C-alpha atoms as a PDB file:
ATOM      1  CA  UNK A   1     117.212 105.516 117.307  1.00  0.00           C
ATOM      2  CA  UNK A   2     115.647 102.323 117.431  1.00  0.00           C
ATOM      3  CA  UNK A   3     112.153 101.762 117.665  1.00  0.00           C
ATOM      4  CA  UNK A   4     110.991 101.293 121.470  1.00  0.00           C
ATOM      5  CA  UNK A   5     109.931  97.615 122.108  1.00  0.00           C
ATOM      6  CA  UNK A   6     106.001  96.876 122.280  1.00  0.00           C
ATOM      7  CA  UNK A   7     104.935  95.303 125.492  1.00  0.00           C
ATOM      8  CA  UNK A   8     101.415  93.537 126.258  1.00  0.00           C
ATOM      9  CA  UNK A   9     100.686  92.292 129.711  1.00  0.00           C
ATOM     10  CA  UNK A  10      97.585  89.750 129.711  1.00  0.00           C
ATOM     11  CA  UNK A  11      95.759  89.145 132.561  1.00  0.00           C
ATOM     12  CA  UNK A  12      91.942  88.314 133.422  1.00  0.00           C
ATOM     13  CA  UNK A  13      89.890  91.488 133.844  1.00  0.00           C
ATOM     14  CA  UNK A  14      92.576  94.174 133.292  1.00  0.00           C
ATOM     15  CA  UNK A  15      91.930  95.773 136.383  1.00  0.00           C
ATOM     16  CA  UNK A  16      94.879  95.002 138.892  1.00  0.00           C
ATOM     17  CA  UNK A  17      97.918  92.963 137.791  1.00  0.00           C
ATOM     18  CA  UNK A  18      97.802  94.067 133.682  1.00  0.00           C
ATOM     19  CA  UNK A  19      97.318  97.689 134.511  1.00  0.00           C
ATOM     20  CA  UNK A  20      99.763  97.571 137.210  1.00  0.00           C
ATOM     21  CA  UNK A  21     102.643  96.406 134.525  1.00  0.00           C
ATOM     22  CA  UNK A  22     101.452  99.002 132.140  1.00  0.00           C
ATOM     23  CA  UNK A  23     101.628 101.846 134.796  1.00  0.00           C
ATOM     24  CA  UNK A  24     105.138 100.661 135.828  1.00  0.00           C
ATOM     25  CA  UNK A  25     106.350 101.498 132.480  1.00  0.00           C
ATOM     26  CA  UNK A  26     104.684 104.443 131.456  1.00  0.00           C
ATOM     27  CA  UNK A  27     107.112 107.394 130.298  1.00  0.00           C
ATOM     28  CA  UNK A  28     109.867 104.433 130.054  1.00  0.00           C
ATOM     29  CA  UNK A  29     111.834 105.595 127.093  1.00  0.00           C
ATOM     30  CA  UNK A  30     112.360 102.137 125.538  1.00  0.00           C
ATOM     31  CA  UNK A  31     109.077 100.610 125.712  1.00  0.00           C
ATOM     32  CA  UNK A  32     105.613 101.286 124.260  1.00  0.00           C
ATOM     33  CA  UNK A  33     103.165  99.179 126.861  1.00  0.00           C
ATOM     34  CA  UNK A  34      99.770  98.063 126.651  1.00  0.00           C
ATOM     35  CA  UNK A  35      97.665  95.850 129.091  1.00  0.00           C
ATOM     36  CA  UNK A  36      94.353  93.542 127.900  1.00  0.00           C
ATOM     37  CA  UNK A  37      92.363  91.084 129.431  1.00  0.00           C
ATOM     38  CA  UNK A  38      91.087  87.751 128.479  1.00  0.00           C
ATOM     39  CA  UNK A  39      87.648  87.849 129.767  1.00  0.00           C
ATOM     40  CA  UNK A  40      84.945  89.627 127.641  1.00  0.00           C
ATOM     41  CA  UNK A  41      84.113  91.903 130.621  1.00  0.00           C
ATOM     42  CA  UNK A  42      87.791  93.059 131.027  1.00  0.00           C
ATOM     43  CA  UNK A  43      88.266  96.678 131.486  1.00  0.00           C
ATOM     44  CA  UNK A  44      90.192  96.162 127.877  1.00  0.00           C
ATOM     45  CA  UNK A  45      89.361  93.108 126.352  1.00  0.00           C
ATOM     46  CA  UNK A  46      92.168  91.674 124.648  1.00  0.00           C
ATOM     47  CA  UNK A  47      92.008  91.680 120.701  1.00  0.00           C
ATOM     48  CA  UNK A  48      93.478  90.405 117.688  1.00  0.00           C
ATOM     49  CA  UNK A  49      95.394  93.890 117.456  1.00  0.00           C
ATOM     50  CA  UNK A  50      96.650  93.968 120.802  1.00  0.00           C
ATOM     51  CA  UNK A  51      98.596  90.313 119.224  1.00  0.00           C
ATOM     52  CA  UNK A  52      99.349  91.800 116.143  1.00  0.00           C
ATOM     53  CA  UNK A  53     100.823  95.096 117.847  1.00  0.00           C
ATOM     54  CA  UNK A  54     102.842  93.636 120.447  1.00  0.00           C
ATOM     55  CA  UNK A  55     106.572  92.147 119.859  1.00  0.00           C
ATOM     56  CA  UNK A  56     106.700  90.825 123.564  1.00  0.00           C
ATOM     57  CA  UNK A  57     103.592  89.397 125.413  1.00  0.00           C
ATOM     58  CA  UNK A  58     103.880  88.833 129.280  1.00  0.00           C
ATOM     59  CA  UNK A  59     100.731  86.525 130.082  1.00  0.00           C
ATOM     60  CA  UNK A  60      99.881  86.905 134.075  1.00  0.00           C
ATOM     61  CA  UNK A  61      99.223  83.108 134.745  1.00  0.00           C
ATOM     62  CA  UNK A  62      98.986  79.873 132.467  1.00  0.00           C
ATOM     63  CA  UNK A  63      95.650  79.975 131.725  1.00  0.00           C
ATOM     64  CA  UNK A  64      96.170  83.527 130.095  1.00  0.00           C
ATOM     65  CA  UNK A  65      99.016  81.824 127.678  1.00  0.00           C
ATOM     66  CA  UNK A  66      96.031  78.783 126.818  1.00  0.00           C
ATOM     67  CA  UNK A  67      93.609  81.432 126.241  1.00  0.00           C
ATOM     68  CA  UNK A  68      95.976  83.110 124.003  1.00  0.00           C
ATOM     69  CA  UNK A  69      97.116  80.221 122.092  1.00  0.00           C
ATOM     70  CA  UNK A  70      93.198  79.118 121.612  1.00  0.00           C
ATOM     71  CA  UNK A  71      92.128  82.272 120.240  1.00  0.00           C
ATOM     72  CA  UNK A  72      95.249  83.923 118.391  1.00  0.00           C
ATOM     73  CA  UNK A  73      97.605  80.900 117.910  1.00  0.00           C
ATOM     74  CA  UNK A  74      97.640  81.618 114.496  1.00  0.00           C
ATOM     75  CA  UNK A  75      99.322  85.320 115.080  1.00  0.00           C
ATOM     76  CA  UNK A  76     101.826  84.245 117.735  1.00  0.00           C
ATOM     77  CA  UNK A  77     104.574  82.944 115.415  1.00  0.00           C
ATOM     78  CA  UNK A  78     107.633  84.761 116.059  1.00  0.00           C
ATOM     79  CA  UNK A  79     106.174  86.513 119.101  1.00  0.00           C
ATOM     80  CA  UNK A  80     108.435  86.260 122.405  1.00  0.00           C
ATOM     81  CA  UNK A  81     105.571  85.015 125.221  1.00  0.00           C
ATOM     82  CA  UNK A  82     106.985  85.055 128.790  1.00  0.00           C
ATOM     83  CA  UNK A  83     104.288  83.615 131.782  1.00  0.00           C
ATOM     84  CA  UNK A  84     104.823  85.421 134.923  1.00  0.00           C
ATOM     85  CA  UNK A  85     103.087  83.241 137.208  1.00  0.00           C
ATOM     86  CA  UNK A  86     101.603  85.926 139.565  1.00  0.00           C
ATOM     87  CA  UNK A  87      98.729  85.366 141.391  1.00  0.00           C
ATOM     88  CA  UNK A  88      95.197  87.269 141.586  1.00  0.00           C
ATOM     89  CA  UNK A  89      95.769  88.196 145.096  1.00  0.00           C
ATOM     90  CA  UNK A  90      96.756  91.935 144.749  1.00  0.00           C
ATOM     91  CA  UNK A  91      95.045  95.465 144.240  1.00  0.00           C
ATOM     92  CA  UNK A  92      96.068  97.911 141.712  1.00  0.00           C
ATOM     93  CA  UNK A  93      99.574  99.102 142.154  1.00  0.00           C
ATOM     94  CA  UNK A  94     100.177  97.585 145.487  1.00  0.00           C
ATOM     95  CA  UNK A  95     103.672  97.357 146.587  1.00  0.00           C
ATOM     96  CA  UNK A  96     103.829  93.904 147.067  1.00  0.00           C
ATOM     97  CA  UNK A  97     102.332  93.221 143.331  1.00  0.00           C
ATOM     98  CA  UNK A  98     105.173  95.554 142.184  1.00  0.00           C
ATOM     99  CA  UNK A  99     107.857  93.571 143.399  1.00  0.00           C
ATOM    100  CA  UNK A 100     106.486  90.705 142.532  1.00  0.00           C
ATOM    101  CA  UNK A 101     106.323  92.126 138.722  1.00  0.00           C
ATOM    102  CA  UNK A 102     110.120  93.360 138.735  1.00  0.00           C
ATOM    103  CA  UNK A 103     111.244  89.848 140.105  1.00  0.00           C
ATOM    104  CA  UNK A 104     109.112  87.959 137.331  1.00  0.00           C
ATOM    105  CA  UNK A 105     110.189  90.765 134.558  1.00  0.00           C
ATOM    106  CA  UNK A 106     114.085  90.414 135.509  1.00  0.00           C
ATOM    107  CA  UNK A 107     115.944  88.906 133.045  1.00  0.00           C
ATOM    108  CA  UNK A 108     113.222  89.634 130.074  1.00  0.00           C
ATOM    109  CA  UNK A 109     113.273  93.777 130.294  1.00  0.00           C
ATOM    110  CA  UNK A 110     114.676  96.370 131.776  1.00  0.00           C
ATOM    111  CA  UNK A 111     113.012  96.931 134.817  1.00  0.00           C
ATOM    112  CA  UNK A 112     112.170 100.528 136.191  1.00  0.00           C
ATOM    113  CA  UNK A 113     112.973 101.969 139.383  1.00  0.00           C
END
């Protein structure tokens, strides 16, 4: 049996986009999923442990990638990092956000139904 792939979703405050992506993958057998935010005020602030844990890192916006590289650049070697380019205009679990996430994730990971 293969080990589940570890996915990390990084957004700003870890309140809407990252947690929605995390919720989409809860109970999905091929993945372990976490989300975190780049701001210290985030619901779950991004840590070195998150970065080390992840096999794949999905940043929601380009500035999240910049922050990740600035703070954890030495830990990113060999990590697959993808920018989803999803604006901060959605509420948690909003159907339009789920549609945006599915479209952006297609081609990178299996998409939950």
